[in-house]
PDB file of N, CA and C in Angstrom:
ATOM      1  N   MET A   1       0.819  -1.179   0.000  1.00  0.00           N
ATOM      2  CA  MET A   1       0.000   0.000   0.000  1.00  0.00           C
ATOM      3  C   MET A   1       0.868   1.250   0.000  1.00  0.00           C
ATOM      4  N   HIS A   2       0.294   2.350  -0.398  1.00  0.00           N
ATOM      5  CA  HIS A   2       1.079   3.566  -0.490  1.00  0.00           C
ATOM      6  C   HIS A   2       1.103   4.347   0.814  1.00  0.00           C
ATOM      7  N   TYR A   3       0.342   3.968   1.813  1.00  0.00           N
ATOM      8  CA  TYR A   3       0.292   4.720   3.062  1.00  0.00           C
ATOM      9  C   TYR A   3       1.568   4.474   3.858  1.00  0.00           C
ATOM     10  N   PRO A   4       2.351   5.516   4.070  1.00  0.00           N
ATOM     11  CA  PRO A   4       3.624   5.312   4.770  1.00  0.00           C
ATOM     12  C   PRO A   4       3.407   4.998   6.242  1.00  0.00           C
ATOM     13  N   ARG A   5       4.293   4.182   6.787  1.00  0.00           N
ATOM     14  CA  ARG A   5       4.203   3.856   8.212  1.00  0.00           C
ATOM     15  C   ARG A   5       4.531   5.075   9.060  1.00  0.00           C
ATOM     16  N   VAL A   6       5.445   5.891   8.581  1.00  0.00           N
ATOM     17  CA  VAL A   6       5.795   7.126   9.278  1.00  0.00           C
ATOM     18  C   VAL A   6       5.220   8.273   8.456  1.00  0.00           C
ATOM     19  N   TYR A   7       4.354   9.056   9.070  1.00  0.00           N
ATOM     20  CA  TYR A   7       3.745  10.164   8.339  1.00  0.00           C
ATOM     21  C   TYR A   7       4.762  11.273   8.148  1.00  0.00           C
ATOM     22  N   ARG A   8       4.929  11.693   6.920  1.00  0.00           N
ATOM     23  CA  ARG A   8       5.821  12.802   6.607  1.00  0.00           C
ATOM     24  C   ARG A   8       4.959  14.019   6.280  1.00  0.00           C
ATOM     25  N   PRO A   9       5.075  15.071   7.048  1.00  0.00           N
ATOM     26  CA  PRO A   9       4.258  16.264   6.772  1.00  0.00           C
ATOM     27  C   PRO A   9       4.539  16.820   5.380  1.00  0.00           C
ATOM     28  N   VAL A  10       3.503  17.346   4.784  1.00  0.00           N
ATOM     29  CA  VAL A  10       3.591  17.919   3.452  1.00  0.00           C
ATOM     30  C   VAL A  10       3.560  19.432   3.589  1.00  0.00           C
ATOM     31  N   SER A  11       4.331  20.118   2.759  1.00  0.00           N
ATOM     32  CA  SER A  11       4.374  21.575   2.851  1.00  0.00           C
ATOM     33  C   SER A  11       3.024  22.172   2.450  1.00  0.00           C
ATOM     34  N   PHE A  12       2.811  23.410   2.843  1.00  0.00           N
ATOM     35  CA  PHE A  12       1.554  24.093   2.547  1.00  0.00           C
ATOM     36  C   PHE A  12       1.338  24.213   1.041  1.00  0.00           C
ATOM     37  N   LEU A  13       2.403  24.481   0.290  1.00  0.00           N
ATOM     38  CA  LEU A  13       2.295  24.584  -1.170  1.00  0.00           C
ATOM     39  C   LEU A  13       1.839  23.258  -1.771  1.00  0.00           C
ATOM     40  N   HIS A  14       2.423  22.148  -1.300  1.00  0.00           N
ATOM     41  CA  HIS A  14       2.014  20.838  -1.800  1.00  0.00           C
ATOM     42  C   HIS A  14       0.555  20.535  -1.450  1.00  0.00           C
ATOM     43  N   LYS A  15       0.131  20.955  -0.282  1.00  0.00           N
ATOM     44  CA  LYS A  15      -1.262  20.745   0.106  1.00  0.00           C
ATOM     45  C   LYS A  15      -2.204  21.543  -0.795  1.00  0.00           C
ATOM     46  N   CYS A  16      -1.830  22.773  -1.105  1.00  0.00           N
ATOM     47  CA  CYS A  16      -2.663  23.604  -1.980  1.00  0.00           C
ATOM     48  C   CYS A  16      -2.743  23.013  -3.390  1.00  0.00           C
ATOM     49  N   VAL A  17      -1.600  22.602  -3.923  1.00  0.00           N
ATOM     50  CA  VAL A  17      -1.581  21.997  -5.255  1.00  0.00           C
ATOM     51  C   VAL A  17      -2.372  20.688  -5.243  1.00  0.00           C
ATOM     52  N   GLY A  18      -2.208  19.892  -4.193  1.00  0.00           N
ATOM     53  CA  GLY A  18      -2.954  18.640  -4.075  1.00  0.00           C
ATOM     54  C   GLY A  18      -4.447  18.870  -3.978  1.00  0.00           C
ATOM     55  N   ALA A  19      -4.851  19.880  -3.221  1.00  0.00           N
ATOM     56  CA  ALA A  19      -6.278  20.195  -3.094  1.00  0.00           C
ATOM     57  C   ALA A  19      -6.854  20.654  -4.433  1.00  0.00           C
ATOM     58  N   LEU A  20      -6.101  21.464  -5.175  1.00  0.00           N
ATOM     59  CA  LEU A  20      -6.547  21.916  -6.482  1.00  0.00           C
ATOM     60  C   LEU A  20      -6.657  20.737  -7.448  1.00  0.00           C
ATOM     61  N   LEU A  21      -5.662  19.867  -7.448  1.00  0.00           N
ATOM     62  CA  LEU A  21      -5.694  18.686  -8.303  1.00  0.00           C
ATOM     63  C   LEU A  21      -6.853  17.775  -7.913  1.00  0.00           C
ATOM     64  N   PHE A  22      -7.098  17.635  -6.608  1.00  0.00           N
ATOM     65  CA  PHE A  22      -8.233  16.842  -6.137  1.00  0.00           C
ATOM     66  C   PHE A  22      -9.543  17.403  -6.682  1.00  0.00           C
ATOM     67  N   LEU A  23      -9.716  18.715  -6.600  1.00  0.00           N
ATOM     68  CA  LEU A  23     -10.955  19.328  -7.084  1.00  0.00           C
ATOM     69  C   LEU A  23     -11.137  19.127  -8.580  1.00  0.00           C
ATOM     70  N   ILE A  24     -10.067  19.288  -9.340  1.00  0.00           N
ATOM     71  CA  ILE A  24     -10.141  19.104 -10.796  1.00  0.00           C
ATOM     72  C   ILE A  24     -10.529  17.664 -11.126  1.00  0.00           C
ATOM     73  N   LEU A  25      -9.843  16.708 -10.492  1.00  0.00           N
ATOM     74  CA  LEU A  25     -10.137  15.303 -10.759  1.00  0.00           C
ATOM     75  C   LEU A  25     -11.544  14.927 -10.308  1.00  0.00           C
ATOM     76  N   ALA A  26     -11.991  15.482  -9.186  1.00  0.00           N
ATOM     77  CA  ALA A  26     -13.337  15.187  -8.698  1.00  0.00           C
ATOM     78  C   ALA A  26     -14.398  15.733  -9.652  1.00  0.00           C
ATOM     79  N   VAL A  27     -14.199  16.929 -10.175  1.00  0.00           N
ATOM     80  CA  VAL A  27     -15.163  17.511 -11.118  1.00  0.00           C
ATOM     81  C   VAL A  27     -15.207  16.683 -12.397  1.00  0.00           C
ATOM     82  N   ILE A  28     -14.038  16.291 -12.905  1.00  0.00           N
ATOM     83  CA  ILE A  28     -14.006  15.444 -14.101  1.00  0.00           C
ATOM     84  C   ILE A  28     -14.682  14.104 -13.813  1.00  0.00           C
ATOM     85  N   GLY A  29     -14.435  13.543 -12.628  1.00  0.00           N
ATOM     86  CA  GLY A  29     -15.051  12.276 -12.261  1.00  0.00           C
ATOM     87  C   GLY A  29     -16.561  12.362 -12.173  1.00  0.00           C
ATOM     88  N   ILE A  30     -17.068  13.439 -11.592  1.00  0.00           N
ATOM     89  CA  ILE A  30     -18.520  13.614 -11.499  1.00  0.00           C
ATOM     90  C   ILE A  30     -19.113  13.809 -12.889  1.00  0.00           C
ATOM     91  N   ALA A  31     -18.421  14.567 -13.731  1.00  0.00           N
ATOM     92  CA  ALA A  31     -18.885  14.725 -15.116  1.00  0.00           C
ATOM     93  C   ALA A  31     -18.858  13.374 -15.832  1.00  0.00           C
ATOM     94  N   GLY A  32     -17.876  12.539 -15.513  1.00  0.00           N
ATOM     95  CA  GLY A  32     -17.790  11.221 -16.127  1.00  0.00           C
ATOM     96  C   GLY A  32     -18.901  10.291 -15.709  1.00  0.00           C
ATOM     97  N   LEU A  33     -19.465  10.515 -14.535  1.00  0.00           N
ATOM     98  CA  LEU A  33     -20.609   9.706 -14.128  1.00  0.00           C
ATOM     99  C   LEU A  33     -21.847  10.062 -14.943  1.00  0.00           C
ATOM    100  N   ILE A  34     -21.893  11.304 -15.426  1.00  0.00           N
ATOM    101  CA  ILE A  34     -23.038  11.770 -16.210  1.00  0.00           C
ATOM    102  C   ILE A  34     -22.819  11.503 -17.696  1.00  0.00           C
ATOM    103  N   LEU A  35     -21.623  11.814 -18.192  1.00  0.00           N
ATOM    104  CA  LEU A  35     -21.299  11.642 -19.606  1.00  0.00           C
ATOM    105  C   LEU A  35     -20.621  10.290 -19.821  1.00  0.00           C
ATOM    106  N   PRO A  36     -21.044   9.538 -20.799  1.00  0.00           N
ATOM    107  CA  PRO A  36     -20.465   8.210 -20.995  1.00  0.00           C
ATOM    108  C   PRO A  36     -19.081   8.223 -21.639  1.00  0.00           C
ATOM    109  N   VAL A  37     -18.631   9.359 -22.142  1.00  0.00           N
ATOM    110  CA  VAL A  37     -17.338   9.421 -22.823  1.00  0.00           C
ATOM    111  C   VAL A  37     -16.176   9.400 -21.832  1.00  0.00           C
ATOM    112  N   ILE A  38     -16.382   9.959 -20.647  1.00  0.00           N
ATOM    113  CA  ILE A  38     -15.326  10.083 -19.646  1.00  0.00           C
ATOM    114  C   ILE A  38     -15.481   8.960 -18.619  1.00  0.00           C
ATOM    115  N   PRO A  39     -14.417   8.207 -18.345  1.00  0.00           N
ATOM    116  CA  PRO A  39     -14.514   7.166 -17.308  1.00  0.00           C
ATOM    117  C   PRO A  39     -14.509   7.797 -15.914  1.00  0.00           C
ATOM    118  N   GLY A  40     -15.670   8.073 -15.380  1.00  0.00           N
ATOM    119  CA  GLY A  40     -15.816   8.825 -14.138  1.00  0.00           C
ATOM    120  C   GLY A  40     -15.195   8.166 -12.925  1.00  0.00           C
ATOM    121  N   LEU A  41     -15.359   6.863 -12.784  1.00  0.00           N
ATOM    122  CA  LEU A  41     -14.845   6.187 -11.601  1.00  0.00           C
ATOM    123  C   LEU A  41     -13.322   6.247 -11.529  1.00  0.00           C
ATOM    124  N   VAL A  42     -12.672   6.222 -12.662  1.00  0.00           N
ATOM    125  CA  VAL A  42     -11.207   6.306 -12.685  1.00  0.00           C
ATOM    126  C   VAL A  42     -10.761   7.656 -12.126  1.00  0.00           C
ATOM    127  N   PHE A  43     -11.405   8.721 -12.565  1.00  0.00           N
ATOM    128  CA  PHE A  43     -11.029  10.048 -12.094  1.00  0.00           C
ATOM    129  C   PHE A  43     -11.384  10.249 -10.627  1.00  0.00           C
ATOM    130  N   LEU A  44     -12.492   9.672 -10.188  1.00  0.00           N
ATOM    131  CA  LEU A  44     -12.839   9.779  -8.772  1.00  0.00           C
ATOM    132  C   LEU A  44     -11.835   9.018  -7.903  1.00  0.00           C
ATOM    133  N   LEU A  45     -11.392   7.857  -8.370  1.00  0.00           N
ATOM    134  CA  LEU A  45     -10.392   7.105  -7.624  1.00  0.00           C
ATOM    135  C   LEU A  45      -9.063   7.870  -7.583  1.00  0.00           C
ATOM    136  N   LEU A  46      -8.693   8.489  -8.700  1.00  0.00           N
ATOM    137  CA  LEU A  46      -7.477   9.310  -8.711  1.00  0.00           C
ATOM    138  C   LEU A  46      -7.609  10.500  -7.764  1.00  0.00           C
ATOM    139  N   ALA A  47      -8.797  11.088  -7.702  1.00  0.00           N
ATOM    140  CA  ALA A  47      -9.019  12.221  -6.791  1.00  0.00           C
ATOM    141  C   ALA A  47      -8.836  11.786  -5.345  1.00  0.00           C
ATOM    142  N   VAL A  48      -9.381  10.635  -4.996  1.00  0.00           N
ATOM    143  CA  VAL A  48      -9.223  10.130  -3.629  1.00  0.00           C
ATOM    144  C   VAL A  48      -7.754   9.822  -3.350  1.00  0.00           C
ATOM    145  N   PHE A  49      -7.069   9.253  -4.326  1.00  0.00           N
ATOM    146  CA  PHE A  49      -5.648   8.935  -4.160  1.00  0.00           C
ATOM    147  C   PHE A  49      -4.836  10.200  -3.889  1.00  0.00           C
ATOM    148  N   VAL A  50      -5.103  11.266  -4.648  1.00  0.00           N
ATOM    149  CA  VAL A  50      -4.391  12.532  -4.443  1.00  0.00           C
ATOM    150  C   VAL A  50      -4.712  13.096  -3.062  1.00  0.00           C
ATOM    151  N   LEU A  51      -5.969  13.017  -2.670  1.00  0.00           N
ATOM    152  CA  LEU A  51      -6.359  13.535  -1.354  1.00  0.00           C
ATOM    153  C   LEU A  51      -5.657  12.775  -0.230  1.00  0.00           C
ATOM    154  N   THR A  52      -5.490  11.464  -0.383  1.00  0.00           N
ATOM    155  CA  THR A  52      -4.815  10.690   0.656  1.00  0.00           C
ATOM    156  C   THR A  52      -3.333  11.022   0.741  1.00  0.00           C
ATOM    157  N   ARG A  53      -2.777  11.581  -0.307  1.00  0.00           N
ATOM    158  CA  ARG A  53      -1.368  11.973  -0.287  1.00  0.00           C
ATOM    159  C   ARG A  53      -1.120  13.268   0.467  1.00  0.00           C
ATOM    160  N   VAL A  54      -2.139  14.126   0.551  1.00  0.00           N
ATOM    161  CA  VAL A  54      -1.939  15.423   1.201  1.00  0.00           C
ATOM    162  C   VAL A  54      -2.658  15.539   2.539  1.00  0.00           C
ATOM    163  N   SER A  55      -3.516  14.592   2.863  1.00  0.00           N
ATOM    164  CA  SER A  55      -4.277  14.662   4.109  1.00  0.00           C
ATOM    165  C   SER A  55      -4.118  13.368   4.905  1.00  0.00           C
ATOM    166  N   ARG A  56      -3.575  13.493   6.095  1.00  0.00           N
ATOM    167  CA  ARG A  56      -3.387  12.313   6.948  1.00  0.00           C
ATOM    168  C   ARG A  56      -4.738  11.739   7.359  1.00  0.00           C
ATOM    169  N   ARG A  57      -5.695  12.590   7.650  1.00  0.00           N
ATOM    170  CA  ARG A  57      -7.024  12.141   8.062  1.00  0.00           C
ATOM    171  C   ARG A  57      -7.726  11.388   6.924  1.00  0.00           C
ATOM    172  N   ALA A  58      -7.624  11.917   5.709  1.00  0.00           N
ATOM    173  CA  ALA A  58      -8.233  11.242   4.557  1.00  0.00           C
ATOM    174  C   ALA A  58      -7.546   9.911   4.284  1.00  0.00           C
ATOM    175  N   ALA A  59      -6.219   9.861   4.446  1.00  0.00           N
ATOM    176  CA  ALA A  59      -5.484   8.613   4.230  1.00  0.00           C
ATOM    177  C   ALA A  59      -5.895   7.559   5.242  1.00  0.00           C
ATOM    178  N   ARG A  60      -6.014   7.956   6.480  1.00  0.00           N
ATOM    179  CA  ARG A  60      -6.409   7.010   7.522  1.00  0.00           C
ATOM    180  C   ARG A  60      -7.812   6.469   7.257  1.00  0.00           C
ATOM    181  N   TYR A  61      -8.722   7.350   6.872  1.00  0.00           N
ATOM    182  CA  TYR A  61     -10.089   6.918   6.587  1.00  0.00           C
ATOM    183  C   TYR A  61     -10.136   6.006   5.357  1.00  0.00           C
ATOM    184  N   ALA A  62      -9.433   6.394   4.293  1.00  0.00           N
ATOM    185  CA  ALA A  62      -9.469   5.617   3.056  1.00  0.00           C
ATOM    186  C   ALA A  62      -8.920   4.212   3.261  1.00  0.00           C
ATOM    187  N   HIS A  63      -7.874   4.087   4.046  1.00  0.00           N
ATOM    188  CA  HIS A  63      -7.269   2.771   4.253  1.00  0.00           C
ATOM    189  C   HIS A  63      -8.110   1.868   5.144  1.00  0.00           C
ATOM    190  N   GLN A  64      -9.147   2.400   5.750  1.00  0.00           N
ATOM    191  CA  GLN A  64     -10.083   1.580   6.514  1.00  0.00           C
ATOM    192  C   GLN A  64     -11.204   1.041   5.632  1.00  0.00           C
ATOM    193  N   GLN A  65     -11.277   1.531   4.394  1.00  0.00           N
ATOM    194  CA  GLN A  65     -12.335   1.125   3.477  1.00  0.00           C
ATOM    195  C   GLN A  65     -11.859  -0.021   2.588  1.00  0.00           C
ATOM    196  N   ALA A  66     -12.679  -1.057   2.488  1.00  0.00           N
ATOM    197  CA  ALA A  66     -12.293  -2.244   1.713  1.00  0.00           C
ATOM    198  C   ALA A  66     -12.147  -1.930   0.225  1.00  0.00           C
ATOM    199  N   TRP A  67     -13.021  -1.093  -0.332  1.00  0.00           N
ATOM    200  CA  TRP A  67     -12.953  -0.799  -1.760  1.00  0.00           C
ATOM    201  C   TRP A  67     -11.660  -0.067  -2.113  1.00  0.00           C
ATOM    202  N   TYR A  68     -11.186   0.786  -1.209  1.00  0.00           N
ATOM    203  CA  TYR A  68      -9.969   1.539  -1.487  1.00  0.00           C
ATOM    204  C   TYR A  68      -8.743   0.627  -1.418  1.00  0.00           C
ATOM    205  N   THR A  69      -8.670  -0.204  -0.394  1.00  0.00           N
ATOM    206  CA  THR A  69      -7.514  -1.088  -0.274  1.00  0.00           C
ATOM    207  C   THR A  69      -7.467  -2.083  -1.419  1.00  0.00           C
ATOM    208  N   SER A  70      -8.628  -2.582  -1.864  1.00  0.00           N
ATOM    209  CA  SER A  70      -8.613  -3.507  -3.000  1.00  0.00           C
ATOM    210  C   SER A  70      -8.211  -2.788  -4.282  1.00  0.00           C
ATOM    211  N   SER A  71      -8.625  -1.532  -4.446  1.00  0.00           N
ATOM    212  CA  SER A  71      -8.215  -0.758  -5.632  1.00  0.00           C
ATOM    213  C   SER A  71      -6.709  -0.505  -5.623  1.00  0.00           C
ATOM    214  N   MET A  72      -6.162  -0.194  -4.455  1.00  0.00           N
ATOM    215  CA  MET A  72      -4.721   0.036  -4.365  1.00  0.00           C
ATOM    216  C   MET A  72      -3.934  -1.255  -4.619  1.00  0.00           C
ATOM    217  N   GLU A  73      -4.453  -2.382  -4.148  1.00  0.00           N
ATOM    218  CA  GLU A  73      -3.792  -3.656  -4.428  1.00  0.00           C
ATOM    219  C   GLU A  73      -3.821  -3.957  -5.917  1.00  0.00           C
ATOM    220  N   HIS A  74      -4.934  -3.625  -6.575  1.00  0.00           N
ATOM    221  CA  HIS A  74      -5.030  -3.820  -8.023  1.00  0.00           C
ATOM    222  C   HIS A  74      -3.993  -2.956  -8.749  1.00  0.00           C
ATOM    223  N   LEU A  75      -3.834  -1.716  -8.321  1.00  0.00           N
ATOM    224  CA  LEU A  75      -2.822  -0.844  -8.927  1.00  0.00           C
ATOM    225  C   LEU A  75      -1.407  -1.361  -8.669  1.00  0.00           C
ATOM    226  N   GLN A  76      -1.174  -1.935  -7.498  1.00  0.00           N
ATOM    227  CA  GLN A  76       0.153  -2.479  -7.191  1.00  0.00           C
ATOM    228  C   GLN A  76       0.504  -3.627  -8.132  1.00  0.00           C
ATOM    229  N   ARG A  77      -0.495  -4.381  -8.591  1.00  0.00           N
ATOM    230  CA  ARG A  77      -0.234  -5.474  -9.521  1.00  0.00           C
ATOM    231  C   ARG A  77       0.196  -4.972 -10.885  1.00  0.00           C
ATOM    232  N   LEU A  78      -0.082  -3.717 -11.189  1.00  0.00           N
ATOM    233  CA  LEU A  78       0.332  -3.145 -12.477  1.00  0.00           C
ATOM    234  C   LEU A  78       1.762  -2.625 -12.448  1.00  0.00           C
ATOM    235  N   ARG A  79       2.374  -2.579 -11.286  1.00  0.00           N
ATOM    236  CA  ARG A  79       3.736  -2.044 -11.154  1.00  0.00           C
ATOM    237  C   ARG A  79       4.766  -2.720 -12.033  1.00  0.00           C
ATOM    238  N   PRO A  80       4.732  -4.052 -12.179  1.00  0.00           N
ATOM    239  CA  PRO A  80       5.772  -4.688 -13.005  1.00  0.00           C
ATOM    240  C   PRO A  80       5.711  -4.318 -14.484  1.00  0.00           C
ATOM    241  N   LEU A  81       4.616  -3.720 -14.932  1.00  0.00           N
ATOM    242  CA  LEU A  81       4.504  -3.341 -16.334  1.00  0.00           C
ATOM    243  C   LEU A  81       5.482  -2.219 -16.659  1.00  0.00           C
ATOM    244  N   SER A  82       6.043  -2.295 -17.849  1.00  0.00           N
ATOM    245  CA  SER A  82       6.937  -1.221 -18.295  1.00  0.00           C
ATOM    246  C   SER A  82       6.092  -0.003 -18.669  1.00  0.00           C
ATOM    247  N   LEU A  83       6.750   1.111 -18.901  1.00  0.00           N
ATOM    248  CA  LEU A  83       6.034   2.334 -19.261  1.00  0.00           C
ATOM    249  C   LEU A  83       5.261   2.138 -20.560  1.00  0.00           C
ATOM    250  N   GLY A  84       5.880   1.467 -21.528  1.00  0.00           N
ATOM    251  CA  GLY A  84       5.200   1.207 -22.800  1.00  0.00           C
ATOM    252  C   GLY A  84       3.954   0.359 -22.627  1.00  0.00           C
ATOM    253  N   GLU A  85       4.041  -0.655 -21.766  1.00  0.00           N
ATOM    254  CA  GLU A  85       2.882  -1.507 -21.509  1.00  0.00           C
ATOM    255  C   GLU A  85       1.784  -0.743 -20.786  1.00  0.00           C
ATOM    256  N   ARG A  86       2.167   0.161 -19.897  1.00  0.00           N
ATOM    257  CA  ARG A  86       1.165   0.986 -19.210  1.00  0.00           C
ATOM    258  C   ARG A  86       0.473   1.923 -20.182  1.00  0.00           C
ATOM    259  N   VAL A  87       1.243   2.475 -21.127  1.00  0.00           N
ATOM    260  CA  VAL A  87       0.657   3.365 -22.133  1.00  0.00           C
ATOM    261  C   VAL A  87      -0.311   2.573 -23.010  1.00  0.00           C
ATOM    262  N   LYS A  88       0.081   1.365 -23.405  1.00  0.00           N
ATOM    263  CA  LYS A  88      -0.800   0.520 -24.221  1.00  0.00           C
ATOM    264  C   LYS A  88      -2.081   0.193 -23.464  1.00  0.00           C
ATOM    265  N   LEU A  89      -1.953  -0.146 -22.189  1.00  0.00           N
ATOM    266  CA  LEU A  89      -3.129  -0.453 -21.379  1.00  0.00           C
ATOM    267  C   LEU A  89      -4.038   0.767 -21.269  1.00  0.00           C
ATOM    268  N   GLY A  90      -3.456   1.933 -21.042  1.00  0.00           N
ATOM    269  CA  GLY A  90      -4.253   3.163 -20.977  1.00  0.00           C
ATOM    270  C   GLY A  90      -4.949   3.455 -22.293  1.00  0.00           C
ATOM    271  N   ALA A  91      -4.251   3.236 -23.410  1.00  0.00           N
ATOM    272  CA  ALA A  91      -4.852   3.460 -24.728  1.00  0.00           C
ATOM    273  C   ALA A  91      -6.005   2.490 -24.973  1.00  0.00           C
ATOM    274  N   LEU A  92      -5.826   1.238 -24.578  1.00  0.00           N
ATOM    275  CA  LEU A  92      -6.901   0.258 -24.746  1.00  0.00           C
ATOM    276  C   LEU A  92      -8.116   0.608 -23.896  1.00  0.00           C
ATOM    277  N   LEU A  93      -7.883   1.049 -22.673  1.00  0.00           N
ATOM    278  CA  LEU A  93      -8.999   1.454 -21.815  1.00  0.00           C
ATOM    279  C   LEU A  93      -9.708   2.680 -22.383  1.00  0.00           C
ATOM    280  N   ALA A  94      -8.941   3.626 -22.921  1.00  0.00           N
ATOM    281  CA  ALA A  94      -9.546   4.814 -23.529  1.00  0.00           C
ATOM    282  C   ALA A  94     -10.354   4.419 -24.770  1.00  0.00           C
ATOM    283  N   ALA A  95      -9.806   3.513 -25.583  1.00  0.00           N
ATOM    284  CA  ALA A  95     -10.524   3.058 -26.779  1.00  0.00           C
ATOM    285  C   ALA A  95     -11.825   2.360 -26.386  1.00  0.00           C
ATOM    286  N   ARG A  96     -11.773   1.545 -25.332  1.00  0.00           N
ATOM    287  CA  ARG A  96     -12.982   0.866 -24.875  1.00  0.00           C
ATOM    288  C   ARG A  96     -14.030   1.885 -24.425  1.00  0.00           C
ATOM    289  N   SER A  97     -13.593   2.933 -23.741  1.00  0.00           N
ATOM    290  CA  SER A  97     -14.527   3.973 -23.306  1.00  0.00           C
ATOM    291  C   SER A  97     -15.158   4.686 -24.491  1.00  0.00           C
ATOM    292  N   ILE A  98     -14.363   4.941 -25.513  1.00  0.00           N
ATOM    293  CA  ILE A  98     -14.889   5.620 -26.712  1.00  0.00           C
ATOM    294  C   ILE A  98     -15.897   4.737 -27.435  1.00  0.00           C
ATOM    295  N   VAL A  99     -15.599   3.449 -27.549  1.00  0.00           N
ATOM    296  CA  VAL A  99     -16.529   2.521 -28.201  1.00  0.00           C
ATOM    297  C   VAL A  99     -17.826   2.425 -27.407  1.00  0.00           C
ATOM    298  N   ARG A 100     -17.734   2.322 -26.096  1.00  0.00           N
ATOM    299  CA  ARG A 100     -18.946   2.260 -25.275  1.00  0.00           C
ATOM    300  C   ARG A 100     -19.753   3.548 -25.384  1.00  0.00           C
ATOM    301  N   ALA A 101     -19.072   4.683 -25.454  1.00  0.00           N
ATOM    302  CA  ALA A 101     -19.777   5.959 -25.601  1.00  0.00           C
ATOM    303  C   ALA A 101     -20.472   6.032 -26.955  1.00  0.00           C
ATOM    304  N   ALA A 102     -19.801   5.547 -27.996  1.00  0.00           N
ATOM    305  CA  ALA A 102     -20.411   5.542 -29.329  1.00  0.00           C
ATOM    306  C   ALA A 102     -21.636   4.625 -29.353  1.00  0.00           C
ATOM    307  N   GLN A 103     -21.553   3.478 -28.706  1.00  0.00           N
ATOM    308  CA  GLN A 103     -22.699   2.572 -28.637  1.00  0.00           C
ATOM    309  C   GLN A 103     -23.855   3.214 -27.881  1.00  0.00           C
ATOM    310  N   TRP A 104     -23.534   3.897 -26.791  1.00  0.00           N
ATOM    311  CA  TRP A 104     -24.561   4.562 -26.006  1.00  0.00           C
ATOM    312  C   TRP A 104     -25.235   5.654 -26.831  1.00  0.00           C
ATOM    313  N   LEU A 105     -24.426   6.461 -27.537  1.00  0.00           N
ATOM    314  CA  LEU A 105     -24.981   7.534 -28.365  1.00  0.00           C
ATOM    315  C   LEU A 105     -25.831   6.967 -29.496  1.00  0.00           C
ATOM    316  N   GLU A 106     -25.365   5.888 -30.104  1.00  0.00           N
ATOM    317  CA  GLU A 106     -26.123   5.277 -31.190  1.00  0.00           C
ATOM    318  C   GLU A 106     -27.476   4.773 -30.688  1.00  0.00           C
ATOM    319  N   LYS A 107     -27.471   4.186 -29.507  1.00  0.00           N
ATOM    320  CA  LYS A 107     -28.717   3.690 -28.931  1.00  0.00           C
ATOM    321  C   LYS A 107     -29.665   4.848 -28.629  1.00  0.00           C
ATOM    322  N   ARG A 108     -29.109   5.937 -28.077  1.00  0.00           N
ATOM    323  CA  ARG A 108     -29.945   7.092 -27.724  1.00  0.00           C
ATOM    324  C   ARG A 108     -30.463   7.810 -28.975  1.00  0.00           C
ATOM    325  N   LEU A 109     -29.582   8.045 -29.942  1.00  0.00           N
ATOM    326  CA  LEU A 109     -29.986   8.762 -31.146  1.00  0.00           C
ATOM    327  C   LEU A 109     -30.768   7.874 -32.105  1.00  0.00           C
ATOM    328  N   GLY A 110     -30.441   6.602 -32.130  1.00  0.00           N
ATOM    329  CA  GLY A 110     -31.163   5.669 -33.002  1.00  0.00           C
ATOM    330  C   GLY A 110     -32.613   5.521 -32.593  1.00  0.00           C
ATOM    331  N   GLY A 111     -32.881   5.529 -31.301  1.00  0.00           N
ATOM    332  CA  GLY A 111     -34.242   5.423 -30.806  1.00  0.00           C
ATOM    333  C   GLY A 111     -35.068   6.657 -31.139  1.00  0.00           C
ATOM    334  N   ARG A 112     -34.447   7.813 -31.192  1.00  0.00           N
ATOM    335  CA  ARG A 112     -35.172   9.056 -31.487  1.00  0.00           C
ATOM    336  C   ARG A 112     -35.522   9.161 -32.963  1.00  0.00           C
ATOM    337  N   ARG A 113     -34.649   8.650 -33.834  1.00  0.00           N
ATOM    338  CA  ARG A 113     -34.910   8.737 -35.276  1.00  0.00           C
ATOM    339  C   ARG A 113     -36.094   7.873 -35.685  1.00  0.00           C
ATOM    340  N   SER A 114     -36.220   6.710 -35.086  1.00  0.00           N
ATOM    341  CA  SER A 114     -37.289   5.804 -35.486  1.00  0.00           C
ATOM    342  C   SER A 114     -38.649   6.217 -34.928  1.00  0.00           C
ATOM    343  N   ALA A 115     -38.673   7.095 -33.957  1.00  0.00           N
ATOM    344  CA  ALA A 115     -39.929   7.502 -33.341  1.00  0.00           C
ATOM    345  C   ALA A 115     -40.618   8.582 -34.122  1.00  0.00           C
TER     346      ALA A 115
END
């Protein structure tokens, strides 16, 4: 897991940047829950991950949650992949999201044309 055994305080600048990044990722994640083109859960998980890096209280709470620890274990299994393999995996996931969004749009727009 990424939670350090010894807590290292983070500077105020890092906390501000982390909070801003958290807000950006959270907004994208919420938009992704509404829009099928953006993988919302991925961005929400990244937002929580960033928050746990800058907040000791958030890290302690997150590590008590089963869904978070299982997600972090899943990410740890991707560590042995090289950078190229990670890029390929990201591209495949993005392509899958685009195909699913196109299918969703076709279903929504196709139903309106026939009516």
